[in-house]
PDB file of N, CA and C in Angstrom:
ATOM      1  N   UNK A   1     146.655  60.358 172.200  1.00  0.00           N
ATOM      2  CA  UNK A   1     147.998  60.713 172.601  1.00  0.00           C
ATOM      3  C   UNK A   1     147.975  62.056 173.302  1.00  0.00           C
ATOM      4  N   UNK A   2     148.830  62.184 174.285  1.00  0.00           N
ATOM      5  CA  UNK A   2     148.971  63.474 174.956  1.00  0.00           C
ATOM      6  C   UNK A   2     149.646  64.455 174.016  1.00  0.00           C
ATOM      7  N   UNK A   3     149.063  65.606 173.902  1.00  0.00           N
ATOM      8  CA  UNK A   3     149.633  66.641 173.054  1.00  0.00           C
ATOM      9  C   UNK A   3     149.311  67.956 173.723  1.00  0.00           C
ATOM     10  N   UNK A   4     150.245  68.430 174.546  1.00  0.00           N
ATOM     11  CA  UNK A   4     149.967  69.573 175.397  1.00  0.00           C
ATOM     12  C   UNK A   4     150.883  70.749 175.068  1.00  0.00           C
ATOM     13  N   UNK A   5     150.462  71.922 175.488  1.00  0.00           N
ATOM     14  CA  UNK A   5     151.301  73.112 175.376  1.00  0.00           C
ATOM     15  C   UNK A   5     152.430  72.989 176.390  1.00  0.00           C
ATOM     16  N   UNK A   6     153.627  73.398 175.991  1.00  0.00           N
ATOM     17  CA  UNK A   6     154.801  73.334 176.857  1.00  0.00           C
ATOM     18  C   UNK A   6     155.302  74.745 177.119  1.00  0.00           C
ATOM     19  N   UNK A   7     155.556  75.054 178.375  1.00  0.00           N
ATOM     20  CA  UNK A   7     155.902  76.407 178.778  1.00  0.00           C
ATOM     21  C   UNK A   7     157.313  76.453 179.342  1.00  0.00           C
ATOM     22  N   UNK A   8     158.138  77.329 178.779  1.00  0.00           N
ATOM     23  CA  UNK A   8     159.474  77.563 179.297  1.00  0.00           C
ATOM     24  C   UNK A   8     159.607  79.010 179.733  1.00  0.00           C
ATOM     25  N   UNK A   9     160.822  79.402 180.092  1.00  0.00           N
ATOM     26  CA  UNK A   9     161.045  80.792 180.489  1.00  0.00           C
ATOM     27  C   UNK A   9     160.977  81.726 179.280  1.00  0.00           C
ATOM     28  N   UNK A  10     161.570  81.303 178.172  1.00  0.00           N
ATOM     29  CA  UNK A  10     161.623  82.162 176.973  1.00  0.00           C
ATOM     30  C   UNK A  10     160.572  81.792 175.936  1.00  0.00           C
ATOM     31  N   UNK A  11     160.252  80.502 175.814  1.00  0.00           N
ATOM     32  CA  UNK A  11     159.351  80.058 174.750  1.00  0.00           C
ATOM     33  C   UNK A  11     158.146  79.305 175.284  1.00  0.00           C
ATOM     34  N   UNK A  12     157.113  79.301 174.461  1.00  0.00           N
ATOM     35  CA  UNK A  12     155.957  78.435 174.662  1.00  0.00           C
ATOM     36  C   UNK A  12     155.831  77.608 173.394  1.00  0.00           C
ATOM     37  N   UNK A  13     155.735  76.291 173.560  1.00  0.00           N
ATOM     38  CA  UNK A  13     155.490  75.402 172.431  1.00  0.00           C
ATOM     39  C   UNK A  13     153.998  75.129 172.397  1.00  0.00           C
ATOM     40  N   UNK A  14     153.370  75.553 171.324  1.00  0.00           N
ATOM     41  CA  UNK A  14     151.919  75.484 171.184  1.00  0.00           C
ATOM     42  C   UNK A  14     151.573  74.426 170.145  1.00  0.00           C
ATOM     43  N   UNK A  15     150.698  73.477 170.497  1.00  0.00           N
ATOM     44  CA  UNK A  15     150.287  72.498 169.494  1.00  0.00           C
ATOM     45  C   UNK A  15     149.862  73.194 168.206  1.00  0.00           C
ATOM     46  N   UNK A  16     150.471  72.785 167.112  1.00  0.00           N
ATOM     47  CA  UNK A  16     150.280  73.440 165.825  1.00  0.00           C
ATOM     48  C   UNK A  16     148.843  73.324 165.329  1.00  0.00           C
ATOM     49  N   UNK A  17     148.306  74.441 164.886  1.00  0.00           N
ATOM     50  CA  UNK A  17     146.978  74.503 164.282  1.00  0.00           C
ATOM     51  C   UNK A  17     147.055  75.374 163.031  1.00  0.00           C
ATOM     52  N   UNK A  18     146.093  75.223 162.153  1.00  0.00           N
ATOM     53  CA  UNK A  18     146.057  76.003 160.923  1.00  0.00           C
ATOM     54  C   UNK A  18     145.981  77.503 161.212  1.00  0.00           C
ATOM     55  N   UNK A  19     145.399  77.870 162.332  1.00  0.00           N
ATOM     56  CA  UNK A  19     145.290  79.295 162.694  1.00  0.00           C
ATOM     57  C   UNK A  19     146.658  79.960 162.887  1.00  0.00           C
ATOM     58  N   UNK A  20     147.720  79.173 163.012  1.00  0.00           N
ATOM     59  CA  UNK A  20     149.070  79.724 163.167  1.00  0.00           C
ATOM     60  C   UNK A  20     149.721  80.074 161.831  1.00  0.00           C
ATOM     61  N   UNK A  21     149.059  79.770 160.726  1.00  0.00           N
ATOM     62  CA  UNK A  21     149.668  79.931 159.400  1.00  0.00           C
ATOM     63  C   UNK A  21     150.150  81.352 159.134  1.00  0.00           C
ATOM     64  N   UNK A  22     149.344  82.348 159.456  1.00  0.00           N
ATOM     65  CA  UNK A  22     149.732  83.721 159.147  1.00  0.00           C
ATOM     66  C   UNK A  22     150.981  84.141 159.919  1.00  0.00           C
ATOM     67  N   UNK A  23     150.999  83.917 161.221  1.00  0.00           N
ATOM     68  CA  UNK A  23     152.162  84.336 162.012  1.00  0.00           C
ATOM     69  C   UNK A  23     153.399  83.518 161.661  1.00  0.00           C
ATOM     70  N   UNK A  24     153.234  82.239 161.346  1.00  0.00           N
ATOM     71  CA  UNK A  24     154.385  81.435 160.935  1.00  0.00           C
ATOM     72  C   UNK A  24     154.882  81.853 159.551  1.00  0.00           C
ATOM     73  N   UNK A  25     153.960  82.184 158.673  1.00  0.00           N
ATOM     74  CA  UNK A  25     154.376  82.667 157.356  1.00  0.00           C
ATOM     75  C   UNK A  25     155.174  83.958 157.494  1.00  0.00           C
ATOM     76  N   UNK A  26     154.722  84.855 158.370  1.00  0.00           N
ATOM     77  CA  UNK A  26     155.430  86.125 158.572  1.00  0.00           C
ATOM     78  C   UNK A  26     156.862  85.913 159.057  1.00  0.00           C
ATOM     79  N   UNK A  27     157.068  84.954 159.947  1.00  0.00           N
ATOM     80  CA  UNK A  27     158.421  84.762 160.494  1.00  0.00           C
ATOM     81  C   UNK A  27     159.280  83.860 159.611  1.00  0.00           C
ATOM     82  N   UNK A  28     158.734  83.364 158.522  1.00  0.00           N
ATOM     83  CA  UNK A  28     159.472  82.420 157.671  1.00  0.00           C
ATOM     84  C   UNK A  28     159.955  83.036 156.362  1.00  0.00           C
ATOM     85  N   UNK A  29     159.994  84.341 156.286  1.00  0.00           N
ATOM     86  CA  UNK A  29     160.290  85.020 155.025  1.00  0.00           C
ATOM     87  C   UNK A  29     161.748  84.976 154.592  1.00  0.00           C
ATOM     88  N   UNK A  30     162.659  84.762 155.524  1.00  0.00           N
ATOM     89  CA  UNK A  30     164.073  84.751 155.146  1.00  0.00           C
ATOM     90  C   UNK A  30     164.406  83.497 154.347  1.00  0.00           C
ATOM     91  N   UNK A  31     164.996  83.652 153.160  1.00  0.00           N
ATOM     92  CA  UNK A  31     165.396  82.478 152.378  1.00  0.00           C
ATOM     93  C   UNK A  31     166.484  81.655 153.079  1.00  0.00           C
ATOM     94  N   UNK A  32     167.183  82.262 154.034  1.00  0.00           N
ATOM     95  CA  UNK A  32     168.217  81.532 154.782  1.00  0.00           C
ATOM     96  C   UNK A  32     167.624  80.353 155.552  1.00  0.00           C
ATOM     97  N   UNK A  33     166.379  80.482 155.984  1.00  0.00           N
ATOM     98  CA  UNK A  33     165.725  79.401 156.740  1.00  0.00           C
ATOM     99  C   UNK A  33     165.670  78.125 155.908  1.00  0.00           C
ATOM    100  N   UNK A  34     165.379  78.265 154.639  1.00  0.00           N
ATOM    101  CA  UNK A  34     165.068  77.121 153.783  1.00  0.00           C
ATOM    102  C   UNK A  34     166.263  76.605 152.988  1.00  0.00           C
ATOM    103  N   UNK A  35     167.410  77.241 153.130  1.00  0.00           N
ATOM    104  CA  UNK A  35     168.590  76.850 152.354  1.00  0.00           C
ATOM    105  C   UNK A  35     168.960  75.381 152.481  1.00  0.00           C
ATOM    106  N   UNK A  36     168.879  74.837 153.675  1.00  0.00           N
ATOM    107  CA  UNK A  36     169.330  73.462 153.913  1.00  0.00           C
ATOM    108  C   UNK A  36     168.210  72.522 154.316  1.00  0.00           C
ATOM    109  N   UNK A  37     166.985  72.904 154.016  1.00  0.00           N
ATOM    110  CA  UNK A  37     165.839  72.062 154.347  1.00  0.00           C
ATOM    111  C   UNK A  37     165.230  71.502 153.068  1.00  0.00           C
ATOM    112  N   UNK A  38     164.577  70.359 153.148  1.00  0.00           N
ATOM    113  CA  UNK A  38     164.017  69.745 151.943  1.00  0.00           C
ATOM    114  C   UNK A  38     162.777  70.458 151.396  1.00  0.00           C
ATOM    115  N   UNK A  39     162.186  71.326 152.201  1.00  0.00           N
ATOM    116  CA  UNK A  39     161.000  72.072 151.792  1.00  0.00           C
ATOM    117  C   UNK A  39     161.335  73.550 151.796  1.00  0.00           C
ATOM    118  N   UNK A  40     160.777  74.271 150.847  1.00  0.00           N
ATOM    119  CA  UNK A  40     160.935  75.718 150.816  1.00  0.00           C
ATOM    120  C   UNK A  40     159.540  76.341 150.799  1.00  0.00           C
ATOM    121  N   UNK A  41     159.237  77.084 151.833  1.00  0.00           N
ATOM    122  CA  UNK A  41     157.925  77.723 151.931  1.00  0.00           C
ATOM    123  C   UNK A  41     158.071  79.157 151.477  1.00  0.00           C
ATOM    124  N   UNK A  42     157.389  79.489 150.371  1.00  0.00           N
ATOM    125  CA  UNK A  42     157.560  80.807 149.778  1.00  0.00           C
ATOM    126  C   UNK A  42     156.298  81.659 149.798  1.00  0.00           C
ATOM    127  N   UNK A  43     155.170  81.070 150.161  1.00  0.00           N
ATOM    128  CA  UNK A  43     153.943  81.867 150.190  1.00  0.00           C
ATOM    129  C   UNK A  43     152.964  81.268 151.201  1.00  0.00           C
ATOM    130  N   UNK A  44     151.867  81.962 151.415  1.00  0.00           N
ATOM    131  CA  UNK A  44     150.894  81.545 152.427  1.00  0.00           C
ATOM    132  C   UNK A  44     150.259  80.196 152.086  1.00  0.00           C
ATOM    133  N   UNK A  45     149.976  79.930 150.826  1.00  0.00           N
ATOM    134  CA  UNK A  45     149.389  78.636 150.450  1.00  0.00           C
ATOM    135  C   UNK A  45     150.320  77.488 150.810  1.00  0.00           C
ATOM    136  N   UNK A  46     151.611  77.680 150.567  1.00  0.00           N
ATOM    137  CA  UNK A  46     152.584  76.635 150.915  1.00  0.00           C
ATOM    138  C   UNK A  46     152.673  76.446 152.423  1.00  0.00           C
ATOM    139  N   UNK A  47     152.587  77.533 153.197  1.00  0.00           N
ATOM    140  CA  UNK A  47     152.607  77.413 154.658  1.00  0.00           C
ATOM    141  C   UNK A  47     151.371  76.668 155.143  1.00  0.00           C
ATOM    142  N   UNK A  48     150.213  77.009 154.603  1.00  0.00           N
ATOM    143  CA  UNK A  48     148.990  76.316 155.001  1.00  0.00           C
ATOM    144  C   UNK A  48     149.065  74.830 154.665  1.00  0.00           C
ATOM    145  N   UNK A  49     149.573  74.504 153.514  1.00  0.00           N
ATOM    146  CA  UNK A  49     149.729  73.107 153.111  1.00  0.00           C
ATOM    147  C   UNK A  49     150.713  72.380 154.034  1.00  0.00           C
ATOM    148  N   UNK A  50     151.812  73.031 154.356  1.00  0.00           N
ATOM    149  CA  UNK A  50     152.820  72.477 155.262  1.00  0.00           C
ATOM    150  C   UNK A  50     152.195  72.169 156.627  1.00  0.00           C
ATOM    151  N   UNK A  51     151.395  73.088 157.136  1.00  0.00           N
ATOM    152  CA  UNK A  51     150.739  72.901 158.434  1.00  0.00           C
ATOM    153  C   UNK A  51     149.693  71.799 158.348  1.00  0.00           C
ATOM    154  N   UNK A  52     148.891  71.788 157.285  1.00  0.00           N
ATOM    155  CA  UNK A  52     147.886  70.715 157.132  1.00  0.00           C
ATOM    156  C   UNK A  52     148.545  69.334 157.128  1.00  0.00           C
ATOM    157  N   UNK A  53     149.646  69.210 156.417  1.00  0.00           N
ATOM    158  CA  UNK A  53     150.368  67.934 156.362  1.00  0.00           C
ATOM    159  C   UNK A  53     150.839  67.522 157.749  1.00  0.00           C
ATOM    160  N   UNK A  54     151.353  68.473 158.519  1.00  0.00           N
ATOM    161  CA  UNK A  54     151.817  68.179 159.881  1.00  0.00           C
ATOM    162  C   UNK A  54     150.650  67.772 160.781  1.00  0.00           C
ATOM    163  N   UNK A  55     149.515  68.426 160.623  1.00  0.00           N
ATOM    164  CA  UNK A  55     148.342  68.099 161.440  1.00  0.00           C
ATOM    165  C   UNK A  55     147.821  66.703 161.093  1.00  0.00           C
ATOM    166  N   UNK A  56     147.820  66.365 159.821  1.00  0.00           N
ATOM    167  CA  UNK A  56     147.407  65.015 159.412  1.00  0.00           C
ATOM    168  C   UNK A  56     148.344  63.975 160.029  1.00  0.00           C
ATOM    169  N   UNK A  57     149.640  64.255 160.013  1.00  0.00           N
ATOM    170  CA  UNK A  57     150.604  63.328 160.625  1.00  0.00           C
ATOM    171  C   UNK A  57     150.367  63.214 162.128  1.00  0.00           C
ATOM    172  N   UNK A  58     149.974  64.318 162.773  1.00  0.00           N
ATOM    173  CA  UNK A  58     149.641  64.263 164.202  1.00  0.00           C
ATOM    174  C   UNK A  58     148.418  63.386 164.427  1.00  0.00           C
ATOM    175  N   UNK A  59     147.406  63.551 163.595  1.00  0.00           N
ATOM    176  CA  UNK A  59     146.177  62.758 163.739  1.00  0.00           C
ATOM    177  C   UNK A  59     146.438  61.268 163.546  1.00  0.00           C
ATOM    178  N   UNK A  60     147.444  60.928 162.743  1.00  0.00           N
ATOM    179  CA  UNK A  60     147.822  59.526 162.538  1.00  0.00           C
ATOM    180  C   UNK A  60     148.764  59.020 163.629  1.00  0.00           C
ATOM    181  N   UNK A  61     149.199  59.922 164.529  1.00  0.00           N
ATOM    182  CA  UNK A  61     150.113  59.533 165.598  1.00  0.00           C
ATOM    183  C   UNK A  61     151.562  59.429 165.154  1.00  0.00           C
ATOM    184  N   UNK A  62     151.882  60.030 164.017  1.00  0.00           N
ATOM    185  CA  UNK A  62     153.240  59.954 163.474  1.00  0.00           C
ATOM    186  C   UNK A  62     154.122  61.111 163.916  1.00  0.00           C
ATOM    187  N   UNK A  63     153.504  62.251 164.230  1.00  0.00           N
ATOM    188  CA  UNK A  63     154.242  63.462 164.598  1.00  0.00           C
ATOM    189  C   UNK A  63     153.461  64.236 165.653  1.00  0.00           C
ATOM    190  N   UNK A  64     154.167  65.065 166.412  1.00  0.00           N
ATOM    191  CA  UNK A  64     153.555  66.064 167.292  1.00  0.00           C
ATOM    192  C   UNK A  64     154.186  67.402 166.929  1.00  0.00           C
ATOM    193  N   UNK A  65     153.601  68.179 166.032  1.00  0.00           N
ATOM    194  CA  UNK A  65     154.192  69.463 165.629  1.00  0.00           C
ATOM    195  C   UNK A  65     153.793  70.603 166.581  1.00  0.00           C
ATOM    196  N   UNK A  66     154.739  71.487 166.795  1.00  0.00           N
ATOM    197  CA  UNK A  66     154.521  72.658 167.651  1.00  0.00           C
ATOM    198  C   UNK A  66     154.890  73.934 166.915  1.00  0.00           C
ATOM    199  N   UNK A  67     154.115  74.986 167.155  1.00  0.00           N
ATOM    200  CA  UNK A  67     154.510  76.348 166.796  1.00  0.00           C
ATOM    201  C   UNK A  67     155.304  76.878 167.982  1.00  0.00           C
ATOM    202  N   UNK A  68     156.362  77.612 167.697  1.00  0.00           N
ATOM    203  CA  UNK A  68     157.228  78.141 168.751  1.00  0.00           C
ATOM    204  C   UNK A  68     156.943  79.632 168.922  1.00  0.00           C
ATOM    205  N   UNK A  69     156.488  79.976 170.127  1.00  0.00           N
ATOM    206  CA  UNK A  69     156.200  81.372 170.469  1.00  0.00           C
ATOM    207  C   UNK A  69     157.307  81.887 171.377  1.00  0.00           C
ATOM    208  N   UNK A  70     157.929  82.985 170.979  1.00  0.00           N
ATOM    209  CA  UNK A  70     159.005  83.599 171.759  1.00  0.00           C
ATOM    210  C   UNK A  70     158.393  84.683 172.649  1.00  0.00           C
ATOM    211  N   UNK A  71     158.461  84.472 173.966  1.00  0.00           N
ATOM    212  CA  UNK A  71     157.863  85.416 174.906  1.00  0.00           C
ATOM    213  C   UNK A  71     158.653  86.715 175.001  1.00  0.00           C
ATOM    214  N   UNK A  72     159.928  86.680 174.664  1.00  0.00           N
ATOM    215  CA  UNK A  72     160.735  87.898 174.679  1.00  0.00           C
ATOM    216  C   UNK A  72     160.344  88.812 173.516  1.00  0.00           C
ATOM    217  N   UNK A  73     160.151  88.231 172.343  1.00  0.00           N
ATOM    218  CA  UNK A  73     159.781  89.009 171.155  1.00  0.00           C
ATOM    219  C   UNK A  73     158.269  89.159 170.996  1.00  0.00           C
ATOM    220  N   UNK A  74     157.503  88.394 171.782  1.00  0.00           N
ATOM    221  CA  UNK A  74     156.033  88.411 171.720  1.00  0.00           C
ATOM    222  C   UNK A  74     155.491  88.044 170.347  1.00  0.00           C
ATOM    223  N   UNK A  75     156.068  86.963 169.773  1.00  0.00           N
ATOM    224  CA  UNK A  75     155.562  86.517 168.478  1.00  0.00           C
ATOM    225  C   UNK A  75     156.049  85.095 168.184  1.00  0.00           C
ATOM    226  N   UNK A  76     155.403  84.483 167.193  1.00  0.00           N
ATOM    227  CA  UNK A  76     155.838  83.182 166.704  1.00  0.00           C
ATOM    228  C   UNK A  76     157.181  83.347 166.008  1.00  0.00           C
ATOM    229  N   UNK A  77     158.046  82.343 166.211  1.00  0.00           N
ATOM    230  CA  UNK A  77     159.377  82.420 165.599  1.00  0.00           C
ATOM    231  C   UNK A  77     159.759  81.157 164.835  1.00  0.00           C
ATOM    232  N   UNK A  78     158.876  80.150 164.796  1.00  0.00           N
ATOM    233  CA  UNK A  78     159.211  78.947 164.044  1.00  0.00           C
ATOM    234  C   UNK A  78     158.399  77.739 164.469  1.00  0.00           C
ATOM    235  N   UNK A  79     158.941  76.577 164.116  1.00  0.00           N
ATOM    236  CA  UNK A  79     158.280  75.307 164.405  1.00  0.00           C
ATOM    237  C   UNK A  79     159.313  74.262 164.814  1.00  0.00           C
ATOM    238  N   UNK A  80     158.834  73.266 165.577  1.00  0.00           N
ATOM    239  CA  UNK A  80     159.620  72.086 165.905  1.00  0.00           C
ATOM    240  C   UNK A  80     158.637  70.954 166.149  1.00  0.00           C
ATOM    241  N   UNK A  81     159.136  69.733 166.267  1.00  0.00           N
ATOM    242  CA  UNK A  81     158.193  68.624 166.466  1.00  0.00           C
ATOM    243  C   UNK A  81     158.886  67.348 166.908  1.00  0.00           C
ATOM    244  N   UNK A  82     158.060  66.466 167.456  1.00  0.00           N
ATOM    245  CA  UNK A  82     158.413  65.052 167.577  1.00  0.00           C
ATOM    246  C   UNK A  82     158.032  64.447 166.232  1.00  0.00           C
ATOM    247  N   UNK A  83     158.847  63.553 165.707  1.00  0.00           N
ATOM    248  CA  UNK A  83     158.501  62.894 164.457  1.00  0.00           C
ATOM    249  C   UNK A  83     159.050  61.478 164.439  1.00  0.00           C
ATOM    250  N   UNK A  84     158.635  60.732 163.439  1.00  0.00           N
ATOM    251  CA  UNK A  84     158.997  59.313 163.322  1.00  0.00           C
ATOM    252  C   UNK A  84     158.690  58.576 164.627  1.00  0.00           C
ATOM    253  N   UNK A  85     157.503  58.812 165.144  1.00  0.00           N
ATOM    254  CA  UNK A  85     157.081  58.208 166.407  1.00  0.00           C
ATOM    255  C   UNK A  85     156.734  56.751 166.181  1.00  0.00           C
ATOM    256  N   UNK A  86     157.331  55.888 166.988  1.00  0.00           N
ATOM    257  CA  UNK A  86     157.047  54.459 166.909  1.00  0.00           C
ATOM    258  C   UNK A  86     156.769  53.920 168.308  1.00  0.00           C
ATOM    259  N   UNK A  87     155.483  53.633 168.588  1.00  0.00           N
ATOM    260  CA  UNK A  87     155.117  53.026 169.870  1.00  0.00           C
ATOM    261  C   UNK A  87     155.682  51.621 169.967  1.00  0.00           C
ATOM    262  N   UNK A  88     155.683  50.922 168.849  1.00  0.00           N
ATOM    263  CA  UNK A  88     156.170  49.540 168.818  1.00  0.00           C
ATOM    264  C   UNK A  88     157.638  49.477 169.221  1.00  0.00           C
ATOM    265  N   UNK A  89     158.436  50.377 168.657  1.00  0.00           N
ATOM    266  CA  UNK A  89     159.879  50.371 168.930  1.00  0.00           C
ATOM    267  C   UNK A  89     160.275  51.321 170.048  1.00  0.00           C
ATOM    268  N   UNK A  90     159.280  52.016 170.595  1.00  0.00           N
ATOM    269  CA  UNK A  90     159.492  52.949 171.704  1.00  0.00           C
ATOM    270  C   UNK A  90     160.584  53.963 171.406  1.00  0.00           C
ATOM    271  N   UNK A  91     160.462  54.607 170.257  1.00  0.00           N
ATOM    272  CA  UNK A  91     161.394  55.686 169.961  1.00  0.00           C
ATOM    273  C   UNK A  91     160.732  56.740 169.093  1.00  0.00           C
ATOM    274  N   UNK A  92     161.408  57.869 169.019  1.00  0.00           N
ATOM    275  CA  UNK A  92     160.973  58.978 168.187  1.00  0.00           C
ATOM    276  C   UNK A  92     162.172  59.872 167.945  1.00  0.00           C
ATOM    277  N   UNK A  93     161.981  60.821 167.047  1.00  0.00           N
ATOM    278  CA  UNK A  93     162.998  61.841 166.792  1.00  0.00           C
ATOM    279  C   UNK A  93     162.431  63.195 167.203  1.00  0.00           C
ATOM    280  N   UNK A  94     163.319  64.105 167.502  1.00  0.00           N
ATOM    281  CA  UNK A  94     162.961  65.499 167.721  1.00  0.00           C
ATOM    282  C   UNK A  94     163.618  66.274 166.590  1.00  0.00           C
ATOM    283  N   UNK A  95     162.835  67.047 165.871  1.00  0.00           N
ATOM    284  CA  UNK A  95     163.434  67.776 164.763  1.00  0.00           C
ATOM    285  C   UNK A  95     162.425  68.464 163.879  1.00  0.00           C
ATOM    286  N   UNK A  96     162.731  68.460 162.568  1.00  0.00           N
ATOM    287  CA  UNK A  96     162.016  69.242 161.552  1.00  0.00           C
ATOM    288  C   UNK A  96     161.784  70.649 162.093  1.00  0.00           C
ATOM    289  N   UNK A  97     162.869  71.203 162.605  1.00  0.00           N
ATOM    290  CA  UNK A  97     162.848  72.490 163.278  1.00  0.00           C
ATOM    291  C   UNK A  97     163.321  73.595 162.341  1.00  0.00           C
ATOM    292  N   UNK A  98     162.641  74.691 162.362  1.00  0.00           N
ATOM    293  CA  UNK A  98     163.112  75.893 161.681  1.00  0.00           C
ATOM    294  C   UNK A  98     162.710  77.103 162.514  1.00  0.00           C
ATOM    295  N   UNK A  99     163.558  78.119 162.470  1.00  0.00           N
ATOM    296  CA  UNK A  99     163.313  79.361 163.203  1.00  0.00           C
ATOM    297  C   UNK A  99     163.626  80.561 162.328  1.00  0.00           C
ATOM    298  N   UNK A 100     163.005  81.670 162.658  1.00  0.00           N
ATOM    299  CA  UNK A 100     163.356  82.948 162.064  1.00  0.00           C
ATOM    300  C   UNK A 100     164.805  83.268 162.449  1.00  0.00           C
ATOM    301  N   UNK A 101     165.596  83.797 161.523  1.00  0.00           N
ATOM    302  CA  UNK A 101     166.996  84.105 161.846  1.00  0.00           C
ATOM    303  C   UNK A 101     167.177  85.027 163.049  1.00  0.00           C
ATOM    304  N   UNK A 102     166.166  85.805 163.399  1.00  0.00           N
ATOM    305  CA  UNK A 102     166.323  86.714 164.537  1.00  0.00           C
ATOM    306  C   UNK A 102     166.481  85.976 165.863  1.00  0.00           C
ATOM    307  N   UNK A 103     166.168  84.671 165.898  1.00  0.00           N
ATOM    308  CA  UNK A 103     166.379  83.920 167.138  1.00  0.00           C
ATOM    309  C   UNK A 103     167.508  82.894 167.011  1.00  0.00           C
ATOM    310  N   UNK A 104     168.185  82.891 165.874  1.00  0.00           N
ATOM    311  CA  UNK A 104     169.349  82.020 165.749  1.00  0.00           C
ATOM    312  C   UNK A 104     170.397  82.480 166.758  1.00  0.00           C
ATOM    313  N   UNK A 105     171.116  81.532 167.312  1.00  0.00           N
ATOM    314  CA  UNK A 105     172.171  81.791 168.300  1.00  0.00           C
ATOM    315  C   UNK A 105     171.635  82.428 169.573  1.00  0.00           C
ATOM    316  N   UNK A 106     170.376  82.100 169.899  1.00  0.00           N
ATOM    317  CA  UNK A 106     169.793  82.503 171.181  1.00  0.00           C
ATOM    318  C   UNK A 106     169.452  81.218 171.929  1.00  0.00           C
ATOM    319  N   UNK A 107     168.801  81.351 173.064  1.00  0.00           N
ATOM    320  CA  UNK A 107     168.411  80.180 173.848  1.00  0.00           C
ATOM    321  C   UNK A 107     167.140  79.502 173.343  1.00  0.00           C
ATOM    322  N   UNK A 108     166.528  80.043 172.305  1.00  0.00           N
ATOM    323  CA  UNK A 108     165.244  79.515 171.825  1.00  0.00           C
ATOM    324  C   UNK A 108     165.329  78.032 171.503  1.00  0.00           C
ATOM    325  N   UNK A 109     166.238  77.618 170.654  1.00  0.00           N
ATOM    326  CA  UNK A 109     166.302  76.205 170.264  1.00  0.00           C
ATOM    327  C   UNK A 109     166.655  75.313 171.449  1.00  0.00           C
ATOM    328  N   UNK A 110     167.607  75.732 172.257  1.00  0.00           N
ATOM    329  CA  UNK A 110     167.993  74.918 173.421  1.00  0.00           C
ATOM    330  C   UNK A 110     166.808  74.705 174.349  1.00  0.00           C
ATOM    331  N   UNK A 111     166.051  75.767 174.607  1.00  0.00           N
ATOM    332  CA  UNK A 111     164.909  75.625 175.504  1.00  0.00           C
ATOM    333  C   UNK A 111     163.808  74.769 174.875  1.00  0.00           C
ATOM    334  N   UNK A 112     163.581  74.920 173.571  1.00  0.00           N
ATOM    335  CA  UNK A 112     162.578  74.076 172.901  1.00  0.00           C
ATOM    336  C   UNK A 112     162.929  72.604 173.045  1.00  0.00           C
ATOM    337  N   UNK A 113     164.165  72.268 172.754  1.00  0.00           N
ATOM    338  CA  UNK A 113     164.573  70.865 172.838  1.00  0.00           C
ATOM    339  C   UNK A 113     164.519  70.364 174.281  1.00  0.00           C
ATOM    340  N   UNK A 114     164.878  71.208 175.222  1.00  0.00           N
ATOM    341  CA  UNK A 114     164.796  70.849 176.640  1.00  0.00           C
ATOM    342  C   UNK A 114     163.352  70.540 177.030  1.00  0.00           C
ATOM    343  N   UNK A 115     162.413  71.389 176.622  1.00  0.00           N
ATOM    344  CA  UNK A 115     161.000  71.165 176.950  1.00  0.00           C
ATOM    345  C   UNK A 115     160.500  69.852 176.343  1.00  0.00           C
ATOM    346  N   UNK A 116     160.873  69.585 175.106  1.00  0.00           N
ATOM    347  CA  UNK A 116     160.459  68.339 174.454  1.00  0.00           C
ATOM    348  C   UNK A 116     161.061  67.135 175.170  1.00  0.00           C
ATOM    349  N   UNK A 117     162.327  67.228 175.548  1.00  0.00           N
ATOM    350  CA  UNK A 117     162.993  66.140 176.268  1.00  0.00           C
ATOM    351  C   UNK A 117     162.337  65.912 177.626  1.00  0.00           C
ATOM    352  N   UNK A 118     162.067  66.977 178.358  1.00  0.00           N
ATOM    353  CA  UNK A 118     161.501  66.831 179.707  1.00  0.00           C
ATOM    354  C   UNK A 118     160.101  66.222 179.666  1.00  0.00           C
ATOM    355  N   UNK A 119     159.331  66.512 178.632  1.00  0.00           N
ATOM    356  CA  UNK A 119     158.016  65.894 178.510  1.00  0.00           C
ATOM    357  C   UNK A 119     158.164  64.375 178.405  1.00  0.00           C
ATOM    358  N   UNK A 120     159.151  63.936 177.652  1.00  0.00           N
ATOM    359  CA  UNK A 120     159.420  62.503 177.530  1.00  0.00           C
ATOM    360  C   UNK A 120     159.946  61.925 178.840  1.00  0.00           C
ATOM    361  N   UNK A 121     160.923  62.597 179.422  1.00  0.00           N
ATOM    362  CA  UNK A 121     161.570  62.112 180.646  1.00  0.00           C
ATOM    363  C   UNK A 121     160.570  61.963 181.792  1.00  0.00           C
ATOM    364  N   UNK A 122     159.640  62.890 181.874  1.00  0.00           N
ATOM    365  CA  UNK A 122     158.654  62.863 182.954  1.00  0.00           C
ATOM    366  C   UNK A 122     157.494  61.917 182.669  1.00  0.00           C
ATOM    367  N   UNK A 123     157.535  61.237 181.539  1.00  0.00           N
ATOM    368  CA  UNK A 123     156.530  60.223 181.237  1.00  0.00           C
ATOM    369  C   UNK A 123     155.170  60.763 180.868  1.00  0.00           C
ATOM    370  N   UNK A 124     155.087  62.025 180.476  1.00  0.00           N
ATOM    371  CA  UNK A 124     153.789  62.598 180.133  1.00  0.00           C
ATOM    372  C   UNK A 124     153.394  62.344 178.698  1.00  0.00           C
ATOM    373  N   UNK A 125     154.316  61.824 177.903  1.00  0.00           N
ATOM    374  CA  UNK A 125     154.014  61.477 176.520  1.00  0.00           C
ATOM    375  C   UNK A 125     153.968  59.963 176.467  1.00  0.00           C
ATOM    376  N   UNK A 126     152.781  59.406 176.586  1.00  0.00           N
ATOM    377  CA  UNK A 126     152.665  57.971 176.809  1.00  0.00           C
ATOM    378  C   UNK A 126     152.988  57.109 175.591  1.00  0.00           C
ATOM    379  N   UNK A 127     153.217  57.702 174.462  1.00  0.00           N
ATOM    380  CA  UNK A 127     153.451  56.908 173.251  1.00  0.00           C
ATOM    381  C   UNK A 127     154.644  55.969 173.390  1.00  0.00           C
ATOM    382  N   UNK A 128     155.595  56.303 174.267  1.00  0.00           N
ATOM    383  CA  UNK A 128     156.787  55.485 174.397  1.00  0.00           C
ATOM    384  C   UNK A 128     156.756  54.542 175.589  1.00  0.00           C
ATOM    385  N   UNK A 129     155.660  54.472 176.301  1.00  0.00           N
ATOM    386  CA  UNK A 129     155.581  53.595 177.479  1.00  0.00           C
ATOM    387  C   UNK A 129     155.326  52.175 177.089  1.00  0.00           C
TER     388      UNK A 129
END
């Protein structure tokens, strides 16, 4: 499956790797992030486990997880992904997104979703063909 880095004006979506654990853990410290999510990441071991699970799902073709790098702040600010990928039914979801509160109400999420949508629209993600 195609799994490429996506570049926008404000953000870069980087294919998630375990090496991102430290920077993602640093930006995930606010308890506000986890208030309405089914998972709560409270320490580095939990972040590493969360990333490993996402990578395993990518290897199975079930998800494409991305680390979100904010070029304005020069640091990682969260994660987003394609998930529930079904080649048979030609559909997927975009979600399981979380960001550091410092980028809430900015263009970060809009641009991330736009980049993910455009990859699909331009036919570069062949899973749905």
